Amino acid sequence: ITRTPSIFTSLFGDDFFRDNTSDSLNTRPCANVTKEEEGYRIELAVPGYDRDDIKVSVKDSTLTIESEVANETSSNYHKEFTVGSFRRQWTLPKNTDAEGIEANHKNGVLTLTIPSAKEDHRTINISFN
């Protein structure tokens, strides 16, 4: 895995997503990463992929989206897109709730909603004697 810091990391530190994807794969779906009030959203362009073709996992703060699909071998007169195996990875910011990640696949776009972790914060009352 090649760890390449994104522009967000270089400008704002580790609280933003880092894309750890190697560029050596032939099929690499495009992604939009958005910071929202409640957390983050990733939209991945996956036209031609069924929901069951895609696996999403989190391990050691690394979000992985991958597909193990055989490349199409049909002889086309002209071919501009392909459906094949891919893997995209991002390092999750420290303030995310990995257990709360939700995924939705609709109209060729895989959308992941990644909530921010709730701060474990409480107020302590001071008593007077």
Protein backbone atom coordinates (compact mmCIF):
# COMPACT_ATOMS: atom_id res chain seq x y z
CA ILE A 1 0.00 0.00 0.00
CA THR A 2 1.37 3.37 -0.97
CA ARG A 3 0.59 6.11 1.53
CA THR A 4 0.20 9.38 -0.30
CA PRO A 5 -0.89 12.42 1.69
CA SER A 6 -3.71 14.36 0.10
CA ILE A 7 -3.77 18.12 -0.30
CA PHE A 8 -6.06 18.26 2.73
CA THR A 9 -3.48 16.53 4.91
CA SER A 10 -0.67 18.80 3.79
CA LEU A 11 -2.75 21.92 4.40
CA PHE A 12 -4.82 20.99 7.45
CA GLY A 13 -3.13 18.05 9.18
CA ASP A 14 -4.32 14.51 9.90
CA ASP A 15 -7.94 15.42 10.58
CA PHE A 16 -8.72 15.05 6.89
CA PHE A 17 -8.87 11.98 4.70
CA ARG A 18 -5.73 10.61 3.14
CA ASP A 19 -6.12 8.53 -0.02
CA ASN A 20 -3.81 5.52 0.31
CA THR A 21 -4.65 4.01 -3.07
CA SER A 22 -1.95 2.79 -5.38
CA ASP A 23 -2.17 4.22 -8.90
CA SER A 24 -0.98 0.92 -10.40
CA LEU A 25 -4.49 -0.51 -10.79
CA ASN A 26 -6.10 -0.28 -14.22
CA THR A 27 -9.61 0.37 -12.93
CA ARG A 28 -9.77 3.14 -10.37
CA PRO A 29 -13.21 4.63 -9.71
CA CYS A 30 -13.30 8.39 -9.18
CA ALA A 31 -14.25 9.62 -5.72
CA ASN A 32 -15.57 12.78 -4.11
CA VAL A 33 -14.82 13.26 -0.40
CA THR A 34 -16.90 15.88 1.37
CA LYS A 35 -16.64 17.22 4.93
CA GLU A 36 -20.10 17.75 6.38
CA GLU A 37 -21.44 19.03 9.67
CA GLU A 38 -22.10 15.50 10.98
CA GLY A 39 -18.93 13.90 9.56
CA TYR A 40 -17.76 12.97 6.08
CA ARG A 41 -19.23 11.60 2.85
CA ILE A 42 -17.49 9.63 0.12
CA GLU A 43 -19.16 9.21 -3.27
CA LEU A 44 -17.50 6.63 -5.51
CA ALA A 45 -18.41 6.32 -9.20
CA VAL A 46 -19.05 2.61 -9.77
CA PRO A 47 -21.27 2.29 -12.87
CA GLY A 48 -21.62 -1.29 -14.00
CA TYR A 49 -20.93 -2.76 -10.56
CA ASP A 50 -23.64 -4.57 -8.62
CA ARG A 51 -23.96 -4.02 -4.89
CA ASP A 52 -22.71 -7.57 -4.29
CA ASP A 53 -19.53 -6.87 -6.34
CA ILE A 54 -18.28 -4.30 -3.82
CA LYS A 55 -16.81 -4.88 -0.35
CA VAL A 56 -16.40 -2.09 2.21
CA SER A 57 -14.30 -2.65 5.34
CA VAL A 58 -12.45 -0.78 8.09
CA LYS A 59 -9.31 -2.06 9.80
CA ASP A 60 -6.87 -0.05 11.92
CA SER A 61 -8.42 3.30 10.84
CA THR A 62 -8.11 2.40 7.15
CA LEU A 63 -11.30 2.41 5.09
CA THR A 64 -11.10 0.03 2.12
CA ILE A 65 -13.52 -0.16 -0.79
CA GLU A 66 -12.73 -2.97 -3.21
CA SER A 67 -14.13 -5.20 -5.90
CA GLU A 68 -12.87 -8.53 -7.21
CA VAL A 69 -14.53 -8.64 -10.63
CA ALA A 70 -13.03 -10.29 -13.70
CA ASN A 71 -12.19 -7.76 -16.41
CA GLU A 72 -14.42 -7.90 -19.46
CA THR A 73 -12.67 -9.63 -22.33
CA SER A 74 -15.24 -9.09 -25.07
CA SER A 75 -13.90 -7.60 -28.26
CA ASN A 76 -15.50 -4.21 -28.63
CA TYR A 77 -15.14 -2.00 -31.65
CA HIS A 78 -14.45 0.94 -29.35
CA LYS A 79 -14.14 0.73 -25.56
CA GLU A 80 -14.01 3.71 -23.21
CA PHE A 81 -14.99 2.19 -19.87
CA THR A 82 -14.39 -1.09 -18.13
CA VAL A 83 -15.65 -2.97 -15.11
CA GLY A 84 -12.84 -4.74 -13.28
CA SER A 85 -11.18 -5.27 -9.93
CA PHE A 86 -10.20 -2.21 -7.92
CA ARG A 87 -9.23 -1.11 -4.43
CA ARG A 88 -9.47 2.40 -2.95
CA GLN A 89 -8.26 3.12 0.58
CA TRP A 90 -8.41 6.11 2.89
CA THR A 91 -7.03 6.74 6.36
CA LEU A 92 -9.93 7.82 8.54
CA PRO A 93 -9.53 10.95 10.65
CA LYS A 94 -9.18 10.39 14.39
CA ASN A 95 -12.59 11.91 15.08
CA THR A 96 -14.68 9.44 13.05
CA ASP A 97 -17.07 6.74 14.26
CA ALA A 98 -16.07 3.65 12.22
CA GLU A 99 -18.96 1.64 13.71
CA GLY A 100 -21.49 4.16 12.39
CA ILE A 101 -20.43 4.08 8.71
CA GLU A 102 -23.34 3.51 6.32
CA ALA A 103 -23.18 2.65 2.59
CA ASN A 104 -25.75 3.12 -0.16
CA HIS A 105 -25.46 2.04 -3.81
CA LYS A 106 -27.78 3.84 -6.24
CA ASN A 107 -27.56 4.79 -9.92
CA GLY A 108 -23.90 3.78 -10.25
CA VAL A 109 -22.74 5.77 -7.22
CA LEU A 110 -21.64 4.22 -3.93
CA THR A 111 -22.18 6.73 -1.11
CA LEU A 112 -20.59 6.21 2.29
CA THR A 113 -21.66 8.34 5.23
CA ILE A 114 -18.99 8.47 7.94
CA PRO A 115 -20.18 10.13 11.16
CA SER A 116 -17.95 12.06 13.52
CA ALA A 117 -17.40 10.38 16.86
CA LYS A 118 -19.39 11.81 19.70
CA GLU A 119 -17.13 13.52 22.17
CA ASP A 120 -16.97 11.80 25.52
CA HIS A 121 -17.51 14.94 27.51
CA ARG A 122 -19.36 15.65 30.69
CA THR A 123 -19.61 18.62 33.00
CA ILE A 124 -18.60 18.15 36.60
CA ASN A 125 -20.41 20.23 39.18
CA ILE A 126 -18.31 21.80 41.89
CA SER A 127 -19.83 21.66 45.35
CA PHE A 128 -19.22 24.27 48.03
CA ASN A 129 -18.74 23.17 51.64
